[in-house]
PDB file of all heavy atoms in Angstrom:
ATOM      1  N   TRP A   1      23.503 -21.210  -2.877  1.00  0.00           N
ATOM      2  CA  TRP A   1      24.370 -22.427  -2.329  1.00  0.00           C
ATOM      3  C   TRP A   1      24.577 -22.279  -0.888  1.00  0.00           C
ATOM      4  O   TRP A   1      24.505 -23.282  -0.229  1.00  0.00           O
ATOM      5  CB  TRP A   1      25.678 -22.491  -3.134  1.00  0.00           C
ATOM      6  CG  TRP A   1      26.363 -23.753  -2.706  1.00  0.00           C
ATOM      7  CD1 TRP A   1      26.120 -25.092  -3.175  1.00  0.00           C
ATOM      8  CD2 TRP A   1      27.432 -23.788  -1.918  1.00  0.00           C
ATOM      9  NE1 TRP A   1      26.945 -25.978  -2.570  1.00  0.00           N
ATOM     10  CE2 TRP A   1      27.811 -25.242  -1.695  1.00  0.00           C
ATOM     11  CE3 TRP A   1      28.215 -22.885  -1.119  1.00  0.00           C
ATOM     12  CZ2 TRP A   1      29.007 -25.654  -0.988  1.00  0.00           C
ATOM     13  CZ3 TRP A   1      29.250 -23.366  -0.376  1.00  0.00           C
ATOM     14  CH2 TRP A   1      29.619 -24.725  -0.310  1.00  0.00           C
ATOM     15  N   PHE A   2      24.883 -21.052  -0.413  1.00  0.00           N
ATOM     16  CA  PHE A   2      25.133 -20.871   1.052  1.00  0.00           C
ATOM     17  C   PHE A   2      23.775 -20.820   1.848  1.00  0.00           C
ATOM     18  O   PHE A   2      23.687 -20.713   3.076  1.00  0.00           O
ATOM     19  CB  PHE A   2      25.847 -19.495   1.310  1.00  0.00           C
ATOM     20  CG  PHE A   2      27.279 -19.754   1.265  1.00  0.00           C
ATOM     21  CD1 PHE A   2      27.989 -19.459   0.052  1.00  0.00           C
ATOM     22  CD2 PHE A   2      28.034 -20.172   2.373  1.00  0.00           C
ATOM     23  CE1 PHE A   2      29.375 -19.625  -0.022  1.00  0.00           C
ATOM     24  CE2 PHE A   2      29.461 -20.404   2.366  1.00  0.00           C
ATOM     25  CZ  PHE A   2      30.152 -20.112   1.143  1.00  0.00           C
ATOM     26  N   GLU A   3      22.600 -20.939   1.174  1.00  0.00           N
ATOM     27  CA  GLU A   3      21.249 -20.970   1.738  1.00  0.00           C
ATOM     28  C   GLU A   3      20.955 -19.690   2.541  1.00  0.00           C
ATOM     29  O   GLU A   3      20.295 -19.678   3.627  1.00  0.00           O
ATOM     30  CB  GLU A   3      21.092 -22.138   2.708  1.00  0.00           C
ATOM     31  CG  GLU A   3      20.909 -23.480   1.984  1.00  0.00           C
ATOM     32  CD  GLU A   3      20.196 -24.570   2.819  1.00  0.00           C
ATOM     33  OE1 GLU A   3      19.028 -24.131   3.306  1.00  0.00           O
ATOM     34  OE2 GLU A   3      20.650 -25.644   2.983  1.00  0.00           O
ATOM     35  N   ILE A   4      21.283 -18.555   1.945  1.00  0.00           N
ATOM     36  CA  ILE A   4      20.949 -17.266   2.512  1.00  0.00           C
ATOM     37  C   ILE A   4      19.467 -16.975   2.068  1.00  0.00           C
ATOM     38  O   ILE A   4      19.158 -16.970   1.024  1.00  0.00           O
ATOM     39  CB  ILE A   4      21.928 -16.250   1.989  1.00  0.00           C
ATOM     40  CG1 ILE A   4      23.383 -16.496   2.506  1.00  0.00           C
ATOM     41  CG2 ILE A   4      21.518 -14.876   2.460  1.00  0.00           C
ATOM     42  CD1 ILE A   4      24.569 -15.682   1.912  1.00  0.00           C
ATOM     43  N   GLN A   5      18.677 -16.828   3.203  1.00  0.00           N
ATOM     44  CA  GLN A   5      17.292 -16.742   3.014  1.00  0.00           C
ATOM     45  C   GLN A   5      16.827 -15.259   3.026  1.00  0.00           C
ATOM     46  O   GLN A   5      16.149 -14.825   4.018  1.00  0.00           O
ATOM     47  CB  GLN A   5      16.578 -17.506   4.141  1.00  0.00           C
ATOM     48  CG  GLN A   5      15.131 -17.938   4.021  1.00  0.00           C
ATOM     49  CD  GLN A   5      14.683 -18.930   4.948  1.00  0.00           C
ATOM     50  OE1 GLN A   5      14.576 -18.436   6.131  1.00  0.00           O
ATOM     51  NE2 GLN A   5      14.235 -20.124   4.696  1.00  0.00           N
ATOM     52  N   PHE A   6      16.993 -14.673   1.932  1.00  0.00           N
ATOM     53  CA  PHE A   6      16.527 -13.267   1.754  1.00  0.00           C
ATOM     54  C   PHE A   6      15.030 -13.341   1.717  1.00  0.00           C
ATOM     55  O   PHE A   6      14.434 -14.238   1.075  1.00  0.00           O
ATOM     56  CB  PHE A   6      17.150 -12.588   0.593  1.00  0.00           C
ATOM     57  CG  PHE A   6      18.640 -12.536   0.453  1.00  0.00           C
ATOM     58  CD1 PHE A   6      19.238 -13.395  -0.449  1.00  0.00           C
ATOM     59  CD2 PHE A   6      19.332 -11.656   1.227  1.00  0.00           C
ATOM     60  CE1 PHE A   6      20.611 -13.407  -0.590  1.00  0.00           C
ATOM     61  CE2 PHE A   6      20.685 -11.636   1.000  1.00  0.00           C
ATOM     62  CZ  PHE A   6      21.349 -12.529   0.182  1.00  0.00           C
ATOM     63  N   ASP A   7      14.282 -12.333   2.127  1.00  0.00           N
ATOM     64  CA  ASP A   7      12.933 -11.994   1.790  1.00  0.00           C
ATOM     65  C   ASP A   7      12.894 -11.437   0.404  1.00  0.00           C
ATOM     66  O   ASP A   7      11.978 -11.608  -0.296  1.00  0.00           O
ATOM     67  CB  ASP A   7      12.250 -11.224   2.883  1.00  0.00           C
ATOM     68  CG  ASP A   7      12.100 -11.909   4.109  1.00  0.00           C
ATOM     69  OD1 ASP A   7      11.259 -12.932   4.278  1.00  0.00           O
ATOM     70  OD2 ASP A   7      12.708 -11.620   5.197  1.00  0.00           O
ATOM     71  N   LYS A   8      13.933 -10.592   0.119  1.00  0.00           N
ATOM     72  CA  LYS A   8      13.943 -10.034  -1.124  1.00  0.00           C
ATOM     73  C   LYS A   8      15.451  -9.834  -1.469  1.00  0.00           C
ATOM     74  O   LYS A   8      16.206  -9.027  -0.813  1.00  0.00           O
ATOM     75  CB  LYS A   8      13.173  -8.702  -1.258  1.00  0.00           C
ATOM     76  CG  LYS A   8      13.361  -7.913  -2.647  1.00  0.00           C
ATOM     77  CD  LYS A   8      12.855  -8.780  -3.719  1.00  0.00           C
ATOM     78  CE  LYS A   8      13.009  -8.123  -5.102  1.00  0.00           C
ATOM     79  NZ  LYS A   8      12.407  -8.818  -6.171  1.00  0.00           N
ATOM     80  N   TRP A   9      15.858 -10.392  -2.574  1.00  0.00           N
ATOM     81  CA  TRP A   9      17.251 -10.352  -3.062  1.00  0.00           C
ATOM     82  C   TRP A   9      16.979  -9.463  -4.403  1.00  0.00           C
ATOM     83  O   TRP A   9      16.492 -10.043  -5.353  1.00  0.00           O
ATOM     84  CB  TRP A   9      17.942 -11.606  -3.352  1.00  0.00           C
ATOM     85  CG  TRP A   9      19.081 -11.638  -4.187  1.00  0.00           C
ATOM     86  CD1 TRP A   9      19.221 -12.146  -5.391  1.00  0.00           C
ATOM     87  CD2 TRP A   9      20.443 -11.032  -3.893  1.00  0.00           C
ATOM     88  NE1 TRP A   9      20.573 -11.997  -5.941  1.00  0.00           N
ATOM     89  CE2 TRP A   9      21.249 -11.267  -4.933  1.00  0.00           C
ATOM     90  CE3 TRP A   9      20.842 -10.401  -2.831  1.00  0.00           C
ATOM     91  CZ2 TRP A   9      22.594 -10.833  -5.087  1.00  0.00           C
ATOM     92  CZ3 TRP A   9      22.183  -9.892  -2.823  1.00  0.00           C
ATOM     93  CH2 TRP A   9      23.065 -10.043  -3.929  1.00  0.00           C
ATOM     94  N   GLY A  10      17.440  -8.278  -4.472  1.00  0.00           N
ATOM     95  CA  GLY A  10      17.271  -7.449  -5.515  1.00  0.00           C
ATOM     96  C   GLY A  10      18.510  -6.764  -6.120  1.00  0.00           C
ATOM     97  O   GLY A  10      19.562  -7.386  -6.094  1.00  0.00           O
ATOM     98  N   ARG A  11      18.178  -5.531  -6.626  1.00  0.00           N
ATOM     99  CA  ARG A  11      19.431  -4.946  -7.308  1.00  0.00           C
ATOM    100  C   ARG A  11      19.099  -3.445  -7.335  1.00  0.00           C
ATOM    101  O   ARG A  11      17.892  -3.070  -7.190  1.00  0.00           O
ATOM    102  CB  ARG A  11      19.657  -5.435  -8.723  1.00  0.00           C
ATOM    103  CG  ARG A  11      18.508  -5.483  -9.619  1.00  0.00           C
ATOM    104  CD  ARG A  11      18.667  -6.496 -10.685  1.00  0.00           C
ATOM    105  NE  ARG A  11      19.845  -6.331 -11.499  1.00  0.00           N
ATOM    106  CZ  ARG A  11      20.228  -7.045 -12.570  1.00  0.00           C
ATOM    107  NH1 ARG A  11      19.415  -8.064 -13.020  1.00  0.00           N
ATOM    108  NH2 ARG A  11      21.292  -6.814 -13.202  1.00  0.00           N
ATOM    109  N   THR A  12      20.033  -2.630  -7.583  1.00  0.00           N
ATOM    110  CA  THR A  12      19.840  -1.123  -7.578  1.00  0.00           C
ATOM    111  C   THR A  12      19.515  -0.509  -8.884  1.00  0.00           C
ATOM    112  O   THR A  12      19.045   0.608  -8.900  1.00  0.00           O
ATOM    113  CB  THR A  12      20.983  -0.234  -6.959  1.00  0.00           C
ATOM    114  OG1 THR A  12      22.155  -0.623  -7.684  1.00  0.00           O
ATOM    115  CG2 THR A  12      21.237  -0.772  -5.416  1.00  0.00           C
ATOM    116  N   SER A  13      19.668  -1.293 -10.033  1.00  0.00           N
ATOM    117  CA  SER A  13      19.502  -0.704 -11.309  1.00  0.00           C
ATOM    118  C   SER A  13      17.947  -0.856 -11.720  1.00  0.00           C
ATOM    119  O   SER A  13      17.716  -1.487 -12.688  1.00  0.00           O
ATOM    120  CB  SER A  13      20.408  -1.365 -12.391  1.00  0.00           C
ATOM    121  OG  SER A  13      20.253  -2.739 -12.376  1.00  0.00           O
ATOM    122  N   THR A  14      17.031  -0.292 -10.934  1.00  0.00           N
ATOM    123  CA  THR A  14      15.744  -0.553 -11.129  1.00  0.00           C
ATOM    124  C   THR A  14      14.828   0.878 -11.232  1.00  0.00           C
ATOM    125  O   THR A  14      15.490   1.844 -10.645  1.00  0.00           O
ATOM    126  CB  THR A  14      15.027  -1.381  -9.965  1.00  0.00           C
ATOM    127  OG1 THR A  14      15.120  -0.716  -8.771  1.00  0.00           O
ATOM    128  CG2 THR A  14      15.584  -2.738  -9.914  1.00  0.00           C
ATOM    129  N   PRO A  15      13.743   0.854 -11.826  1.00  0.00           N
ATOM    130  CA  PRO A  15      12.989   2.183 -11.863  1.00  0.00           C
ATOM    131  C   PRO A  15      12.693   2.629 -10.522  1.00  0.00           C
ATOM    132  O   PRO A  15      12.598   3.845 -10.238  1.00  0.00           O
ATOM    133  CB  PRO A  15      11.732   1.871 -12.709  1.00  0.00           C
ATOM    134  CG  PRO A  15      12.196   0.714 -13.537  1.00  0.00           C
ATOM    135  CD  PRO A  15      13.135  -0.129 -12.677  1.00  0.00           C
ATOM    136  N   GLU A  16      12.383   1.806  -9.605  1.00  0.00           N
ATOM    137  CA  GLU A  16      12.025   2.142  -8.154  1.00  0.00           C
ATOM    138  C   GLU A  16      13.203   2.734  -7.446  1.00  0.00           C
ATOM    139  O   GLU A  16      13.021   3.748  -6.734  1.00  0.00           O
ATOM    140  CB  GLU A  16      11.601   0.759  -7.428  1.00  0.00           C
ATOM    141  CG  GLU A  16      10.268   0.104  -7.845  1.00  0.00           C
ATOM    142  CD  GLU A  16      10.428  -0.746  -8.958  1.00  0.00           C
ATOM    143  OE1 GLU A  16      11.564  -0.938  -9.631  1.00  0.00           O
ATOM    144  OE2 GLU A  16       9.455  -1.449  -9.373  1.00  0.00           O
ATOM    145  N   HIS A  17      14.327   2.265  -7.834  1.00  0.00           N
ATOM    146  CA  HIS A  17      15.525   2.887  -7.141  1.00  0.00           C
ATOM    147  C   HIS A  17      15.789   4.300  -7.656  1.00  0.00           C
ATOM    148  O   HIS A  17      16.062   5.266  -6.865  1.00  0.00           O
ATOM    149  CB  HIS A  17      16.813   2.019  -7.481  1.00  0.00           C
ATOM    150  CG  HIS A  17      18.049   2.503  -6.737  1.00  0.00           C
ATOM    151  ND1 HIS A  17      18.195   2.490  -5.424  1.00  0.00           N
ATOM    152  CD2 HIS A  17      19.202   3.090  -7.266  1.00  0.00           C
ATOM    153  CE1 HIS A  17      19.362   3.021  -5.055  1.00  0.00           C
ATOM    154  NE2 HIS A  17      19.999   3.397  -6.189  1.00  0.00           N
ATOM    155  N   THR A  18      15.629   4.515  -8.859  1.00  0.00           N
ATOM    156  CA  THR A  18      15.819   5.865  -9.464  1.00  0.00           C
ATOM    157  C   THR A  18      14.646   6.739  -8.902  1.00  0.00           C
ATOM    158  O   THR A  18      15.047   7.913  -8.449  1.00  0.00           O
ATOM    159  CB  THR A  18      15.670   5.764 -11.029  1.00  0.00           C
ATOM    160  OG1 THR A  18      16.774   4.980 -11.531  1.00  0.00           O
ATOM    161  CG2 THR A  18      15.562   7.174 -11.662  1.00  0.00           C
ATOM    162  N   ARG A  19      13.416   6.373  -8.911  1.00  0.00           N
ATOM    163  CA  ARG A  19      12.320   7.141  -8.388  1.00  0.00           C
ATOM    164  C   ARG A  19      12.574   7.550  -6.851  1.00  0.00           C
ATOM    165  O   ARG A  19      12.503   8.838  -6.623  1.00  0.00           O
ATOM    166  CB  ARG A  19      10.972   6.437  -8.629  1.00  0.00           C
ATOM    167  CG  ARG A  19       9.835   7.169  -7.940  1.00  0.00           C
ATOM    168  CD  ARG A  19       8.486   6.429  -8.312  1.00  0.00           C
ATOM    169  NE  ARG A  19       8.578   5.059  -7.828  1.00  0.00           N
ATOM    170  CZ  ARG A  19       8.329   4.621  -6.580  1.00  0.00           C
ATOM    171  NH1 ARG A  19       8.111   5.544  -5.623  1.00  0.00           N
ATOM    172  NH2 ARG A  19       8.383   3.393  -6.256  1.00  0.00           N
ATOM    173  N   ILE A  20      12.844   6.649  -6.100  1.00  0.00           N
ATOM    174  CA  ILE A  20      13.147   6.896  -4.586  1.00  0.00           C
ATOM    175  C   ILE A  20      14.280   7.794  -4.354  1.00  0.00           C
ATOM    176  O   ILE A  20      14.327   8.679  -3.609  1.00  0.00           O
ATOM    177  CB  ILE A  20      13.083   5.676  -3.855  1.00  0.00           C
ATOM    178  CG1 ILE A  20      11.680   4.971  -3.966  1.00  0.00           C
ATOM    179  CG2 ILE A  20      13.396   5.850  -2.373  1.00  0.00           C
ATOM    180  CD1 ILE A  20      11.507   3.547  -3.339  1.00  0.00           C
ATOM    181  N   THR A  21      15.413   7.392  -5.035  1.00  0.00           N
ATOM    182  CA  THR A  21      16.647   8.267  -4.909  1.00  0.00           C
ATOM    183  C   THR A  21      16.441   9.699  -5.352  1.00  0.00           C
ATOM    184  O   THR A  21      16.733  10.677  -4.500  1.00  0.00           O
ATOM    185  CB  THR A  21      17.759   7.734  -5.687  1.00  0.00           C
ATOM    186  OG1 THR A  21      18.039   6.363  -5.331  1.00  0.00           O
ATOM    187  CG2 THR A  21      19.040   8.398  -5.549  1.00  0.00           C
ATOM    188  N   GLN A  22      15.797   9.863  -6.358  1.00  0.00           N
ATOM    189  CA  GLN A  22      15.478  11.297  -6.952  1.00  0.00           C
ATOM    190  C   GLN A  22      14.530  12.056  -5.978  1.00  0.00           C
ATOM    191  O   GLN A  22      14.757  13.165  -5.791  1.00  0.00           O
ATOM    192  CB  GLN A  22      14.959  11.307  -8.325  1.00  0.00           C
ATOM    193  CG  GLN A  22      15.961  10.850  -9.339  1.00  0.00           C
ATOM    194  CD  GLN A  22      15.400  10.725 -10.849  1.00  0.00           C
ATOM    195  OE1 GLN A  22      14.210  10.652 -10.924  1.00  0.00           O
ATOM    196  NE2 GLN A  22      16.306  10.842 -11.751  1.00  0.00           N
ATOM    197  N   ASP A  23      13.535  11.297  -5.424  1.00  0.00           N
ATOM    198  CA  ASP A  23      12.557  11.929  -4.470  1.00  0.00           C
ATOM    199  C   ASP A  23      13.261  12.367  -3.266  1.00  0.00           C
ATOM    200  O   ASP A  23      12.971  13.496  -2.796  1.00  0.00           O
ATOM    201  CB  ASP A  23      11.467  10.880  -4.253  1.00  0.00           C
ATOM    202  CG  ASP A  23      10.433  11.579  -3.330  1.00  0.00           C
ATOM    203  OD1 ASP A  23       9.706  12.520  -3.745  1.00  0.00           O
ATOM    204  OD2 ASP A  23      10.349  10.967  -2.102  1.00  0.00           O
ATOM    205  N   ILE A  24      14.149  11.517  -2.752  1.00  0.00           N
ATOM    206  CA  ILE A  24      14.836  11.951  -1.497  1.00  0.00           C
ATOM    207  C   ILE A  24      15.836  13.127  -1.737  1.00  0.00           C
ATOM    208  O   ILE A  24      15.885  14.020  -0.967  1.00  0.00           O
ATOM    209  CB  ILE A  24      15.739  10.767  -1.000  1.00  0.00           C
ATOM    210  CG1 ILE A  24      14.774   9.700  -0.296  1.00  0.00           C
ATOM    211  CG2 ILE A  24      16.712  11.210  -0.025  1.00  0.00           C
ATOM    212  CD1 ILE A  24      15.457   8.379   0.000  1.00  0.00           C
ATOM    213  N   PHE A  25      16.416  13.037  -2.922  1.00  0.00           N
ATOM    214  CA  PHE A  25      17.273  14.221  -3.185  1.00  0.00           C
ATOM    215  C   PHE A  25      16.496  15.636  -3.301  1.00  0.00           C
ATOM    216  O   PHE A  25      16.881  16.590  -2.789  1.00  0.00           O
ATOM    217  CB  PHE A  25      18.024  13.929  -4.611  1.00  0.00           C
ATOM    218  CG  PHE A  25      18.629  15.224  -5.243  1.00  0.00           C
ATOM    219  CD1 PHE A  25      19.743  15.783  -4.689  1.00  0.00           C
ATOM    220  CD2 PHE A  25      17.912  16.020  -6.285  1.00  0.00           C
ATOM    221  CE1 PHE A  25      20.301  16.940  -5.266  1.00  0.00           C
ATOM    222  CE2 PHE A  25      18.501  17.027  -6.786  1.00  0.00           C
ATOM    223  CZ  PHE A  25      19.696  17.533  -6.265  1.00  0.00           C
ATOM    224  N   LEU A  26      15.386  15.468  -4.011  1.00  0.00           N
ATOM    225  CA  LEU A  26      14.556  16.706  -4.127  1.00  0.00           C
ATOM    226  C   LEU A  26      14.030  17.203  -2.950  1.00  0.00           C
ATOM    227  O   LEU A  26      14.074  18.571  -2.739  1.00  0.00           O
ATOM    228  CB  LEU A  26      13.379  16.393  -5.174  1.00  0.00           C
ATOM    229  CG  LEU A  26      13.760  16.128  -6.607  1.00  0.00           C
ATOM    230  CD1 LEU A  26      12.582  15.666  -7.363  1.00  0.00           C
ATOM    231  CD2 LEU A  26      14.365  17.418  -7.279  1.00  0.00           C
ATOM    232  N   LYS A  27      13.680  16.497  -1.893  1.00  0.00           N
ATOM    233  CA  LYS A  27      13.421  16.872  -0.620  1.00  0.00           C
ATOM    234  C   LYS A  27      14.564  17.488   0.110  1.00  0.00           C
ATOM    235  O   LYS A  27      14.368  18.510   0.803  1.00  0.00           O
ATOM    236  CB  LYS A  27      12.803  15.724   0.103  1.00  0.00           C
ATOM    237  CG  LYS A  27      11.447  15.383  -0.294  1.00  0.00           C
ATOM    238  CD  LYS A  27      10.831  14.052   0.252  1.00  0.00           C
ATOM    239  CE  LYS A  27       9.402  13.902  -0.447  1.00  0.00           C
ATOM    240  NZ  LYS A  27       8.922  12.488  -0.019  1.00  0.00           N
ATOM    241  N   LEU A  28      15.833  16.912   0.062  1.00  0.00           N
ATOM    242  CA  LEU A  28      16.953  17.516   0.660  1.00  0.00           C
ATOM    243  C   LEU A  28      17.191  18.825   0.021  1.00  0.00           C
ATOM    244  O   LEU A  28      17.565  19.851   0.712  1.00  0.00           O
ATOM    245  CB  LEU A  28      18.210  16.546   0.354  1.00  0.00           C
ATOM    246  CG  LEU A  28      18.267  15.284   1.232  1.00  0.00           C
ATOM    247  CD1 LEU A  28      19.358  14.346   0.654  1.00  0.00           C
ATOM    248  CD2 LEU A  28      18.618  15.644   2.659  1.00  0.00           C
ATOM    249  N   ASP A  29      17.084  18.941  -1.234  1.00  0.00           N
ATOM    250  CA  ASP A  29      17.337  20.173  -2.095  1.00  0.00           C
ATOM    251  C   ASP A  29      16.417  21.365  -1.575  1.00  0.00           C
ATOM    252  O   ASP A  29      16.745  22.418  -1.296  1.00  0.00           O
ATOM    253  CB  ASP A  29      17.286  19.992  -3.456  1.00  0.00           C
ATOM    254  CG  ASP A  29      17.864  21.166  -4.312  1.00  0.00           C
ATOM    255  OD1 ASP A  29      18.680  21.813  -3.729  1.00  0.00           O
ATOM    256  OD2 ASP A  29      17.570  21.269  -5.524  1.00  0.00           O
ATOM    257  N   ARG A  30      15.109  20.905  -1.476  1.00  0.00           N
ATOM    258  CA  ARG A  30      13.996  21.872  -1.133  1.00  0.00           C
ATOM    259  C   ARG A  30      14.394  22.337   0.397  1.00  0.00           C
ATOM    260  O   ARG A  30      13.908  23.457   0.550  1.00  0.00           O
ATOM    261  CB  ARG A  30      12.715  21.102  -1.257  1.00  0.00           C
ATOM    262  CG  ARG A  30      11.411  21.988  -0.896  1.00  0.00           C
ATOM    263  CD  ARG A  30      10.187  21.176  -1.067  1.00  0.00           C
ATOM    264  NE  ARG A  30      10.208  20.329  -2.229  1.00  0.00           N
ATOM    265  CZ  ARG A  30       9.863  19.012  -2.184  1.00  0.00           C
ATOM    266  NH1 ARG A  30       9.700  18.448  -1.232  1.00  0.00           N
ATOM    267  NH2 ARG A  30       9.826  18.404  -3.411  1.00  0.00           N
ATOM    268  N   ASN A  31      14.799  21.491   1.206  1.00  0.00           N
ATOM    269  CA  ASN A  31      15.157  21.866   2.625  1.00  0.00           C
ATOM    270  C   ASN A  31      16.432  22.575   2.863  1.00  0.00           C
ATOM    271  O   ASN A  31      16.722  22.908   3.965  1.00  0.00           O
ATOM    272  CB  ASN A  31      15.018  20.604   3.527  1.00  0.00           C
ATOM    273  CG  ASN A  31      13.643  20.021   3.578  1.00  0.00           C
ATOM    274  OD1 ASN A  31      12.611  20.667   3.269  1.00  0.00           O
ATOM    275  ND2 ASN A  31      13.543  18.820   3.944  1.00  0.00           N
TER     276      ASN A  31
END
């Protein structure tokens, strides 16, 4: 209604979010 023109309006409860978050954590842990 406010005409906010996102290129992508998404959400965090997705498989992509789980995969990328876990990948970043594992690299932090490894380092």
